[in-house]
Amino acid sequence: MSITLPTYSRLEIPLLGRRERLWAIIATGLRQGVRRPAAIAITMLGAAFTTITSIILLFLSFLLPAGQGTGLSFFAVPASNPFVLFFVSAMAAVIGSGLIADDIQSMAFTLYLSRPITQLDYLLAKAAILAPLVALVTILPLLLTALVAAFLGLLSWTIALEAMGISLVIGGLLTLFYTAVTLFLSSLTRRKGIAAAGVFAVNFGLTIPAAILAESIQNPSILYLSPWNDYLAIANAAFGASGAGIDWPVALAILLGVTVLAALVTYVRMKAVEVITG
C-alpha cells in the first residue's frame, strides 16, 4: 500500500487591466464626492444658479437700449456671468482640492500606481472626475441659454448653434484651465484645505487686485495677471463683442501656457513620488 501526498494548486487571479483600474479611480472619486453633502449642494446649486442667471442676463441684453443689435454679441453677456467665477472656484475648492491631496495623505496614491497604472493614467483619471463637474458651470449654462434663446425666437437657430459651438470651445478652455490648476494645487500638499485656499487665491486673489490696480493707474495690461479677465477677453472676441481692455491672443496664450505648465509640473511631481510595484 502506497501513500501519496496530496497536491495543491493555487488559483491564479489575473490583475485587472488598465482600463478597469482607471474606471476604479474615477468611480472612487465620484463616490467620495457623492457622499459629501457640500459637494452635491455646490454642484447642483452652481449649475442651476449659473444657468438661470445666464438666461436672465441674455434677456436683459435684449431689453437694454445698448443691446438692440443682433448676432452672437448677445452671448458675450451670459459668458461673462460673474457667478461662473464664484461657483467654479467653490466647486474646485470643495471637490477638486482633495483629489490628489487625500490620496497622498492616506497613501492611496502608491496603491493606485501599482501596475499597470502609470502617473499619467492616474492624473487623467483625476481630471476625468473634476472636468465634467466644472463643465456643469462653464459650458452647460451657455448651451442651455442658446437653446432657450432659439426656442423663444429671440435669435435664429443658425446663430444659436454657432453660439453653442463657441461656448463649447471657450467653456472647454476654462474647464481645462481650472482642472489643471486645481490638480496642481492639490498635488502640492497633503491638506486639501490649503489647496482649496490656493484655488480662491488664484481666482479672487488675482482678479480683484488686478482690476483695482489697472483702474487706479490706468494700465489695462495688469489684467493679464487675472485668469478670469483673460477668459473674458477671449469670450468677448469669440462672440464679436467689444474688447475687455486686453488683447485676446495674448490672453489665450497665457491661459493655455498656464494650463500646460500646471499639468506638466503636476506630472513631474507625481513621477517624483517613490512607488513600489510588484
C-alpha atoms as a PDB file:
ATOM      1  CA  MET A   1       0.000   0.000   0.000  1.00  0.00           C
ATOM      2  CA  SER A   2       1.493   3.286  -1.064  1.00  0.00           C
ATOM      3  CA  ILE A   3       0.796   6.640   0.454  1.00  0.00           C
ATOM      4  CA  THR A   4       0.747   9.667  -1.824  1.00  0.00           C
ATOM      5  CA  LEU A   5       0.926  13.207  -0.640  1.00  0.00           C
ATOM      6  CA  PRO A   6      -1.956  15.454  -1.617  1.00  0.00           C
ATOM      7  CA  THR A   7      -1.297  18.007  -4.269  1.00  0.00           C
ATOM      8  CA  TYR A   8      -2.489  21.563  -4.166  1.00  0.00           C
ATOM      9  CA  SER A   9      -2.986  24.038  -6.928  1.00  0.00           C
ATOM     10  CA  ARG A  10      -3.035  27.784  -6.499  1.00  0.00           C
ATOM     11  CA  LEU A  11      -5.750  29.743  -8.198  1.00  0.00           C
ATOM     12  CA  GLU A  12      -4.150  32.485 -10.212  1.00  0.00           C
ATOM     13  CA  ILE A  13      -6.273  35.620 -10.257  1.00  0.00           C
ATOM     14  CA  PRO A  14      -5.248  37.923 -13.084  1.00  0.00           C
ATOM     15  CA  LEU A  15      -4.736  41.582 -12.327  1.00  0.00           C
ATOM     16  CA  LEU A  16      -7.336  43.981 -13.573  1.00  0.00           C
ATOM     17  CA  GLY A  17      -6.458  45.666 -16.819  1.00  0.00           C
ATOM     18  CA  ARG A  18      -5.510  49.298 -17.284  1.00  0.00           C
ATOM     19  CA  ARG A  19      -8.991  50.379 -18.310  1.00  0.00           C
ATOM     20  CA  GLU A  20     -10.648  48.713 -15.317  1.00  0.00           C
ATOM     21  CA  ARG A  21      -8.202  50.341 -12.924  1.00  0.00           C
ATOM     22  CA  LEU A  22      -8.785  53.751 -14.455  1.00  0.00           C
ATOM     23  CA  TRP A  23     -12.515  53.328 -14.006  1.00  0.00           C
ATOM     24  CA  ALA A  24     -11.901  52.234 -10.422  1.00  0.00           C
ATOM     25  CA  ILE A  25     -10.095  55.510  -9.684  1.00  0.00           C
ATOM     26  CA  ILE A  26     -12.839  57.543 -11.347  1.00  0.00           C
ATOM     27  CA  ALA A  27     -15.605  55.631  -9.571  1.00  0.00           C
ATOM     28  CA  THR A  28     -13.883  56.029  -6.217  1.00  0.00           C
ATOM     29  CA  GLY A  29     -13.517  59.767  -6.685  1.00  0.00           C
ATOM     30  CA  LEU A  30     -17.127  60.217  -7.748  1.00  0.00           C
ATOM     31  CA  ARG A  31     -18.339  58.008  -4.904  1.00  0.00           C
ATOM     32  CA  GLN A  32     -16.459  60.090  -2.376  1.00  0.00           C
ATOM     33  CA  GLY A  33     -17.918  63.261  -3.863  1.00  0.00           C
ATOM     34  CA  VAL A  34     -21.476  61.921  -3.775  1.00  0.00           C
ATOM     35  CA  ARG A  35     -21.107  61.101  -0.095  1.00  0.00           C
ATOM     36  CA  ARG A  36     -20.290  64.715   0.734  1.00  0.00           C
ATOM     37  CA  PRO A  37     -23.382  66.929   1.045  1.00  0.00           C
ATOM     38  CA  ALA A  38     -21.307  70.057   0.399  1.00  0.00           C
ATOM     39  CA  ALA A  39     -20.093  68.683  -2.940  1.00  0.00           C
ATOM     40  CA  ILE A  40     -23.629  67.769  -4.029  1.00  0.00           C
ATOM     41  CA  ALA A  41     -25.007  71.141  -2.960  1.00  0.00           C
ATOM     42  CA  ILE A  42     -22.335  73.225  -4.664  1.00  0.00           C
ATOM     43  CA  THR A  43     -22.628  71.204  -7.883  1.00  0.00           C
ATOM     44  CA  MET A  44     -26.409  71.386  -8.149  1.00  0.00           C
ATOM     45  CA  LEU A  45     -26.636  74.979  -6.955  1.00  0.00           C
ATOM     46  CA  GLY A  46     -23.810  76.090  -9.204  1.00  0.00           C
ATOM     47  CA  ALA A  47     -25.244  74.504 -12.349  1.00  0.00           C
ATOM     48  CA  ALA A  48     -28.794  75.712 -11.676  1.00  0.00           C
ATOM     49  CA  PHE A  49     -27.995  79.220 -10.471  1.00  0.00           C
ATOM     50  CA  THR A  50     -25.444  79.908 -13.193  1.00  0.00           C
ATOM     51  CA  THR A  51     -27.858  78.711 -15.887  1.00  0.00           C
ATOM     52  CA  ILE A  52     -30.744  80.808 -14.573  1.00  0.00           C
ATOM     53  CA  THR A  53     -28.686  83.970 -14.220  1.00  0.00           C
ATOM     54  CA  SER A  54     -27.139  83.463 -17.668  1.00  0.00           C
ATOM     55  CA  ILE A  55     -30.609  83.281 -19.237  1.00  0.00           C
ATOM     56  CA  ILE A  56     -31.690  86.377 -17.307  1.00  0.00           C
ATOM     57  CA  LEU A  57     -28.602  88.264 -18.447  1.00  0.00           C
ATOM     58  CA  LEU A  58     -29.347  87.321 -22.050  1.00  0.00           C
ATOM     59  CA  PHE A  59     -32.885  88.678 -21.756  1.00  0.00           C
ATOM     60  CA  LEU A  60     -31.590  91.885 -20.195  1.00  0.00           C
ATOM     61  CA  SER A  61     -29.152  92.336 -23.057  1.00  0.00           C
ATOM     62  CA  PHE A  62     -32.137  92.385 -25.421  1.00  0.00           C
ATOM     63  CA  LEU A  63     -34.087  94.840 -23.300  1.00  0.00           C
ATOM     64  CA  LEU A  64     -31.353  97.389 -22.709  1.00  0.00           C
ATOM     65  CA  PRO A  65     -31.006 100.124 -25.345  1.00  0.00           C
ATOM     66  CA  ALA A  66     -27.369  99.199 -25.919  1.00  0.00           C
ATOM     67  CA  GLY A  67     -28.370  95.649 -26.759  1.00  0.00           C
ATOM     68  CA  GLN A  68     -30.585  96.244 -29.754  1.00  0.00           C
ATOM     69  CA  GLY A  69     -28.128  94.697 -32.188  1.00  0.00           C
ATOM     70  CA  THR A  70     -28.312  91.179 -33.488  1.00  0.00           C
ATOM     71  CA  GLY A  71     -25.933  88.294 -33.675  1.00  0.00           C
ATOM     72  CA  LEU A  72     -23.521  86.462 -31.466  1.00  0.00           C
ATOM     73  CA  SER A  73     -22.556  89.507 -29.429  1.00  0.00           C
ATOM     74  CA  PHE A  74     -25.570  88.942 -27.175  1.00  0.00           C
ATOM     75  CA  PHE A  75     -23.952  85.796 -25.773  1.00  0.00           C
ATOM     76  CA  ALA A  76     -20.925  87.699 -24.515  1.00  0.00           C
ATOM     77  CA  VAL A  77     -23.112  88.871 -21.619  1.00  0.00           C
ATOM     78  CA  PRO A  78     -24.006  85.424 -20.202  1.00  0.00           C
ATOM     79  CA  ALA A  79     -20.479  84.230 -20.981  1.00  0.00           C
ATOM     80  CA  SER A  80     -19.221  86.971 -18.663  1.00  0.00           C
ATOM     81  CA  ASN A  81     -21.537  85.918 -15.841  1.00  0.00           C
ATOM     82  CA  PRO A  82     -19.573  86.589 -12.610  1.00  0.00           C
ATOM     83  CA  PHE A  83     -21.335  83.704 -10.875  1.00  0.00           C
ATOM     84  CA  VAL A  84     -19.324  81.374 -13.118  1.00  0.00           C
ATOM     85  CA  LEU A  85     -16.164  82.555 -11.390  1.00  0.00           C
ATOM     86  CA  PHE A  86     -17.642  82.095  -7.934  1.00  0.00           C
ATOM     87  CA  PHE A  87     -19.114  78.634  -8.450  1.00  0.00           C
ATOM     88  CA  VAL A  88     -16.111  77.328 -10.381  1.00  0.00           C
ATOM     89  CA  SER A  89     -13.915  78.435  -7.501  1.00  0.00           C
ATOM     90  CA  ALA A  90     -16.244  76.843  -4.947  1.00  0.00           C
ATOM     91  CA  MET A  91     -16.557  73.615  -6.920  1.00  0.00           C
ATOM     92  CA  ALA A  92     -12.816  73.315  -7.489  1.00  0.00           C
ATOM     93  CA  ALA A  93     -12.163  74.021  -3.807  1.00  0.00           C
ATOM     94  CA  VAL A  94     -14.775  71.627  -2.419  1.00  0.00           C
ATOM     95  CA  ILE A  95     -14.364  68.756  -4.875  1.00  0.00           C
ATOM     96  CA  GLY A  96     -11.007  69.146  -6.605  1.00  0.00           C
ATOM     97  CA  SER A  97      -8.767  70.222  -3.740  1.00  0.00           C
ATOM     98  CA  GLY A  98      -8.706  66.759  -2.187  1.00  0.00           C
ATOM     99  CA  LEU A  99      -8.458  64.633  -5.313  1.00  0.00           C
ATOM    100  CA  ILE A 100      -4.696  64.199  -5.008  1.00  0.00           C
ATOM    101  CA  ALA A 101      -4.066  65.600  -1.517  1.00  0.00           C
ATOM    102  CA  ASP A 102      -6.299  62.971   0.109  1.00  0.00           C
ATOM    103  CA  ASP A 103      -4.563  60.156  -1.774  1.00  0.00           C
ATOM    104  CA  ILE A 104      -1.141  61.412  -0.701  1.00  0.00           C
ATOM    105  CA  GLN A 105      -2.306  61.779   2.902  1.00  0.00           C
ATOM    106  CA  SER A 106      -3.805  58.251   3.044  1.00  0.00           C
ATOM    107  CA  MET A 107      -1.005  56.691   0.952  1.00  0.00           C
ATOM    108  CA  ALA A 108      -3.633  55.506  -1.521  1.00  0.00           C
ATOM    109  CA  PHE A 109      -1.547  57.095  -4.254  1.00  0.00           C
ATOM    110  CA  THR A 110       1.064  54.342  -4.067  1.00  0.00           C
ATOM    111  CA  LEU A 111      -1.682  51.722  -4.194  1.00  0.00           C
ATOM    112  CA  TYR A 112      -3.197  53.235  -7.309  1.00  0.00           C
ATOM    113  CA  LEU A 113       0.158  53.271  -9.068  1.00  0.00           C
ATOM    114  CA  SER A 114       0.715  49.562  -8.759  1.00  0.00           C
ATOM    115  CA  ARG A 115       0.999  48.054 -12.207  1.00  0.00           C
ATOM    116  CA  PRO A 116      -0.291  48.645 -14.841  1.00  0.00           C
ATOM    117  CA  ILE A 117      -1.385  52.171 -13.819  1.00  0.00           C
ATOM    118  CA  THR A 118       1.071  54.965 -14.582  1.00  0.00           C
ATOM    119  CA  GLN A 119       1.280  58.501 -13.230  1.00  0.00           C
ATOM    120  CA  LEU A 120      -0.264  59.786 -16.449  1.00  0.00           C
ATOM    121  CA  ASP A 121      -3.161  57.339 -16.129  1.00  0.00           C
ATOM    122  CA  TYR A 122      -3.713  58.467 -12.561  1.00  0.00           C
ATOM    123  CA  LEU A 123      -3.786  62.163 -13.475  1.00  0.00           C
ATOM    124  CA  LEU A 124      -6.107  61.559 -16.431  1.00  0.00           C
ATOM    125  CA  ALA A 125      -8.491  59.688 -14.152  1.00  0.00           C
ATOM    126  CA  LYS A 126      -8.463  62.519 -11.624  1.00  0.00           C
ATOM    127  CA  ALA A 127      -9.060  65.037 -14.409  1.00  0.00           C
ATOM    128  CA  ALA A 128     -11.961  62.906 -15.641  1.00  0.00           C
ATOM    129  CA  ILE A 129     -13.549  63.310 -12.211  1.00  0.00           C
ATOM    130  CA  LEU A 130     -13.205  67.072 -11.920  1.00  0.00           C
ATOM    131  CA  ALA A 131     -13.566  68.318 -15.507  1.00  0.00           C
ATOM    132  CA  PRO A 132     -17.184  67.167 -16.115  1.00  0.00           C
ATOM    133  CA  LEU A 133     -18.281  68.760 -12.843  1.00  0.00           C
ATOM    134  CA  VAL A 134     -16.587  72.045 -13.699  1.00  0.00           C
ATOM    135  CA  ALA A 135     -18.184  71.900 -17.152  1.00  0.00           C
ATOM    136  CA  LEU A 136     -21.602  71.996 -15.484  1.00  0.00           C
ATOM    137  CA  VAL A 137     -20.811  75.628 -14.666  1.00  0.00           C
ATOM    138  CA  THR A 138     -18.543  76.676 -17.537  1.00  0.00           C
ATOM    139  CA  ILE A 139     -20.270  75.027 -20.521  1.00  0.00           C
ATOM    140  CA  LEU A 140     -23.782  73.797 -19.687  1.00  0.00           C
ATOM    141  CA  PRO A 141     -25.284  77.219 -18.802  1.00  0.00           C
ATOM    142  CA  LEU A 142     -24.149  78.725 -22.110  1.00  0.00           C
ATOM    143  CA  LEU A 143     -25.544  75.806 -24.092  1.00  0.00           C
ATOM    144  CA  LEU A 144     -28.909  75.991 -22.341  1.00  0.00           C
ATOM    145  CA  THR A 145     -29.004  79.765 -22.763  1.00  0.00           C
ATOM    146  CA  ALA A 146     -28.548  79.418 -26.512  1.00  0.00           C
ATOM    147  CA  LEU A 147     -31.267  76.759 -26.667  1.00  0.00           C
ATOM    148  CA  VAL A 148     -33.724  78.923 -24.720  1.00  0.00           C
ATOM    149  CA  ALA A 149     -32.995  81.915 -26.963  1.00  0.00           C
ATOM    150  CA  ALA A 150     -33.621  79.818 -30.078  1.00  0.00           C
ATOM    151  CA  PHE A 151     -36.815  78.195 -28.777  1.00  0.00           C
ATOM    152  CA  LEU A 152     -38.270  81.579 -27.804  1.00  0.00           C
ATOM    153  CA  GLY A 153     -37.398  83.049 -31.170  1.00  0.00           C
ATOM    154  CA  LEU A 154     -35.030  85.652 -29.797  1.00  0.00           C
ATOM    155  CA  LEU A 155     -32.349  84.523 -32.227  1.00  0.00           C
ATOM    156  CA  SER A 156     -32.256  82.258 -35.242  1.00  0.00           C
ATOM    157  CA  TRP A 157     -31.227  78.648 -34.860  1.00  0.00           C
ATOM    158  CA  THR A 158     -28.184  79.312 -37.037  1.00  0.00           C
ATOM    159  CA  ILE A 159     -26.874  81.901 -34.590  1.00  0.00           C
ATOM    160  CA  ALA A 160     -27.835  79.755 -31.597  1.00  0.00           C
ATOM    161  CA  LEU A 161     -25.981  76.727 -32.938  1.00  0.00           C
ATOM    162  CA  GLU A 162     -22.943  78.854 -33.716  1.00  0.00           C
ATOM    163  CA  ALA A 163     -23.084  80.245 -30.182  1.00  0.00           C
ATOM    164  CA  MET A 164     -23.239  76.713 -28.790  1.00  0.00           C
ATOM    165  CA  GLY A 165     -20.146  75.742 -30.754  1.00  0.00           C
ATOM    166  CA  ILE A 166     -18.244  78.776 -29.480  1.00  0.00           C
ATOM    167  CA  SER A 167     -19.465  78.042 -25.959  1.00  0.00           C
ATOM    168  CA  LEU A 168     -18.026  74.540 -26.140  1.00  0.00           C
ATOM    169  CA  VAL A 169     -14.638  75.937 -27.150  1.00  0.00           C
ATOM    170  CA  ILE A 170     -14.301  78.787 -24.655  1.00  0.00           C
ATOM    171  CA  GLY A 171     -16.024  76.826 -21.890  1.00  0.00           C
ATOM    172  CA  GLY A 172     -13.759  73.875 -22.580  1.00  0.00           C
ATOM    173  CA  LEU A 173     -10.718  76.126 -22.328  1.00  0.00           C
ATOM    174  CA  LEU A 174     -11.850  77.439 -18.947  1.00  0.00           C
ATOM    175  CA  THR A 175     -12.621  73.895 -17.802  1.00  0.00           C
ATOM    176  CA  LEU A 176      -9.164  72.647 -18.763  1.00  0.00           C
ATOM    177  CA  PHE A 177      -7.528  75.608 -17.027  1.00  0.00           C
ATOM    178  CA  TYR A 178      -9.286  75.138 -13.700  1.00  0.00           C
ATOM    179  CA  THR A 179      -8.903  71.362 -13.824  1.00  0.00           C
ATOM    180  CA  ALA A 180      -5.135  71.582 -14.401  1.00  0.00           C
ATOM    181  CA  VAL A 181      -4.571  74.333 -11.828  1.00  0.00           C
ATOM    182  CA  THR A 182      -6.721  72.633  -9.181  1.00  0.00           C
ATOM    183  CA  LEU A 183      -4.944  69.293  -9.580  1.00  0.00           C
ATOM    184  CA  PHE A 184      -1.608  71.102  -9.430  1.00  0.00           C
ATOM    185  CA  LEU A 185      -2.539  72.809  -6.162  1.00  0.00           C
ATOM    186  CA  SER A 186      -3.884  69.534  -4.779  1.00  0.00           C
ATOM    187  CA  SER A 187      -0.574  67.821  -5.532  1.00  0.00           C
ATOM    188  CA  LEU A 188       1.410  70.392  -3.547  1.00  0.00           C
ATOM    189  CA  THR A 189       0.101  69.439  -0.124  1.00  0.00           C
ATOM    190  CA  ARG A 190      -1.365  66.667   1.977  1.00  0.00           C
ATOM    191  CA  ARG A 191      -4.031  69.014   3.332  1.00  0.00           C
ATOM    192  CA  LYS A 192      -6.900  69.763   0.988  1.00  0.00           C
ATOM    193  CA  GLY A 193      -7.777  72.880   2.961  1.00  0.00           C
ATOM    194  CA  ILE A 194      -4.541  74.502   1.829  1.00  0.00           C
ATOM    195  CA  ALA A 195      -5.246  73.505  -1.773  1.00  0.00           C
ATOM    196  CA  ALA A 196      -8.769  74.939  -1.512  1.00  0.00           C
ATOM    197  CA  ALA A 197      -7.367  78.228  -0.225  1.00  0.00           C
ATOM    198  CA  GLY A 198      -4.980  78.241  -3.168  1.00  0.00           C
ATOM    199  CA  VAL A 199      -7.885  77.920  -5.610  1.00  0.00           C
ATOM    200  CA  PHE A 200      -9.584  81.014  -4.201  1.00  0.00           C
ATOM    201  CA  ALA A 201      -6.250  82.848  -4.137  1.00  0.00           C
ATOM    202  CA  VAL A 202      -5.674  82.138  -7.838  1.00  0.00           C
ATOM    203  CA  ASN A 203      -9.148  83.389  -8.705  1.00  0.00           C
ATOM    204  CA  PHE A 204     -10.143  86.227  -6.404  1.00  0.00           C
ATOM    205  CA  GLY A 205      -6.648  86.968  -5.121  1.00  0.00           C
ATOM    206  CA  LEU A 206      -5.604  87.853  -8.667  1.00  0.00           C
ATOM    207  CA  THR A 207      -8.850  89.067 -10.225  1.00  0.00           C
ATOM    208  CA  ILE A 208      -9.905  91.703  -7.692  1.00  0.00           C
ATOM    209  CA  PRO A 209      -6.469  93.310  -7.066  1.00  0.00           C
ATOM    210  CA  ALA A 210      -5.684  93.284 -10.800  1.00  0.00           C
ATOM    211  CA  ALA A 211      -8.949  95.089 -11.615  1.00  0.00           C
ATOM    212  CA  ILE A 212      -8.420  97.679  -8.873  1.00  0.00           C
ATOM    213  CA  LEU A 213      -4.798  98.297  -9.783  1.00  0.00           C
ATOM    214  CA  ALA A 214      -5.483  98.504 -13.519  1.00  0.00           C
ATOM    215  CA  GLU A 215      -8.206 101.069 -12.883  1.00  0.00           C
ATOM    216  CA  SER A 216      -6.191 103.142 -10.443  1.00  0.00           C
ATOM    217  CA  ILE A 217      -3.086 103.503 -12.604  1.00  0.00           C
ATOM    218  CA  GLN A 218      -4.926 103.305 -15.948  1.00  0.00           C
ATOM    219  CA  ASN A 219      -2.864 100.362 -17.169  1.00  0.00           C
ATOM    220  CA  PRO A 220      -5.068  97.544 -18.530  1.00  0.00           C
ATOM    221  CA  SER A 221      -2.052  95.292 -19.128  1.00  0.00           C
ATOM    222  CA  ILE A 222      -2.214  94.336 -15.455  1.00  0.00           C
ATOM    223  CA  LEU A 223      -5.452  92.477 -16.240  1.00  0.00           C
ATOM    224  CA  TYR A 224      -3.366  89.789 -17.923  1.00  0.00           C
ATOM    225  CA  LEU A 225      -2.469  88.604 -14.408  1.00  0.00           C
ATOM    226  CA  SER A 226      -6.087  87.606 -13.823  1.00  0.00           C
ATOM    227  CA  PRO A 227      -7.218  84.305 -15.395  1.00  0.00           C
ATOM    228  CA  TRP A 228     -10.821  85.481 -15.304  1.00  0.00           C
ATOM    229  CA  ASN A 229     -10.039  88.654 -17.252  1.00  0.00           C
ATOM    230  CA  ASP A 230      -8.049  86.602 -19.742  1.00  0.00           C
ATOM    231  CA  TYR A 231     -11.120  84.423 -20.225  1.00  0.00           C
ATOM    232  CA  LEU A 232     -13.361  87.491 -20.621  1.00  0.00           C
ATOM    233  CA  ALA A 233     -11.095  88.857 -23.340  1.00  0.00           C
ATOM    234  CA  ILE A 234     -11.291  85.543 -25.228  1.00  0.00           C
ATOM    235  CA  ALA A 235     -15.062  85.218 -24.767  1.00  0.00           C
ATOM    236  CA  ASN A 236     -15.768  88.759 -25.942  1.00  0.00           C
ATOM    237  CA  ALA A 237     -13.594  88.286 -29.015  1.00  0.00           C
ATOM    238  CA  ALA A 238     -15.193  84.913 -29.802  1.00  0.00           C
ATOM    239  CA  PHE A 239     -18.708  86.357 -29.685  1.00  0.00           C
ATOM    240  CA  GLY A 240     -17.731  89.525 -31.538  1.00  0.00           C
ATOM    241  CA  ALA A 241     -18.396  91.860 -28.612  1.00  0.00           C
ATOM    242  CA  SER A 242     -16.370  94.855 -27.535  1.00  0.00           C
ATOM    243  CA  GLY A 243     -12.989  94.062 -26.048  1.00  0.00           C
ATOM    244  CA  ALA A 244     -12.236  93.580 -22.373  1.00  0.00           C
ATOM    245  CA  GLY A 245      -9.337  96.049 -22.429  1.00  0.00           C
ATOM    246  CA  ILE A 246      -6.674  93.463 -23.271  1.00  0.00           C
ATOM    247  CA  ASP A 247      -5.748  91.574 -26.423  1.00  0.00           C
ATOM    248  CA  TRP A 248      -7.348  88.164 -26.705  1.00  0.00           C
ATOM    249  CA  PRO A 249      -4.383  86.406 -28.445  1.00  0.00           C
ATOM    250  CA  VAL A 250      -2.133  87.264 -25.503  1.00  0.00           C
ATOM    251  CA  ALA A 251      -4.832  86.230 -23.051  1.00  0.00           C
ATOM    252  CA  LEU A 252      -5.285  82.929 -24.899  1.00  0.00           C
ATOM    253  CA  ALA A 253      -1.533  82.276 -24.852  1.00  0.00           C
ATOM    254  CA  ILE A 254      -1.443  82.947 -21.101  1.00  0.00           C
ATOM    255  CA  LEU A 255      -4.351  80.623 -20.288  1.00  0.00           C
ATOM    256  CA  LEU A 256      -3.015  77.828 -22.487  1.00  0.00           C
ATOM    257  CA  GLY A 257       0.516  78.295 -21.190  1.00  0.00           C
ATOM    258  CA  VAL A 258      -0.527  78.158 -17.540  1.00  0.00           C
ATOM    259  CA  THR A 259      -2.742  75.130 -18.221  1.00  0.00           C
ATOM    260  CA  VAL A 260       0.056  73.187 -19.909  1.00  0.00           C
ATOM    261  CA  LEU A 261       2.630  74.256 -17.319  1.00  0.00           C
ATOM    262  CA  ALA A 262       0.396  73.257 -14.405  1.00  0.00           C
ATOM    263  CA  ALA A 263      -0.257  69.859 -15.995  1.00  0.00           C
ATOM    264  CA  LEU A 264       3.446  69.240 -16.668  1.00  0.00           C
ATOM    265  CA  VAL A 265       4.547  70.264 -13.175  1.00  0.00           C
ATOM    266  CA  THR A 266       1.869  68.058 -11.629  1.00  0.00           C
ATOM    267  CA  TYR A 267       3.048  65.131 -13.740  1.00  0.00           C
ATOM    268  CA  VAL A 268       6.674  65.697 -12.721  1.00  0.00           C
ATOM    269  CA  ARG A 269       5.657  65.817  -9.067  1.00  0.00           C
ATOM    270  CA  MET A 270       3.784  62.541  -9.398  1.00  0.00           C
ATOM    271  CA  LYS A 271       6.762  60.935 -11.117  1.00  0.00           C
ATOM    272  CA  ALA A 272       8.970  62.011  -8.218  1.00  0.00           C
ATOM    273  CA  VAL A 273       6.881  60.050  -5.699  1.00  0.00           C
ATOM    274  CA  GLU A 274       8.568  56.744  -4.887  1.00  0.00           C
ATOM    275  CA  VAL A 275       6.276  53.839  -5.624  1.00  0.00           C
ATOM    276  CA  ILE A 276       6.971  50.148  -5.027  1.00  0.00           C
ATOM    277  CA  THR A 277       5.391  47.996  -7.701  1.00  0.00           C
ATOM    278  CA  GLY A 278       5.134  44.307  -7.865  1.00  0.00           C
END
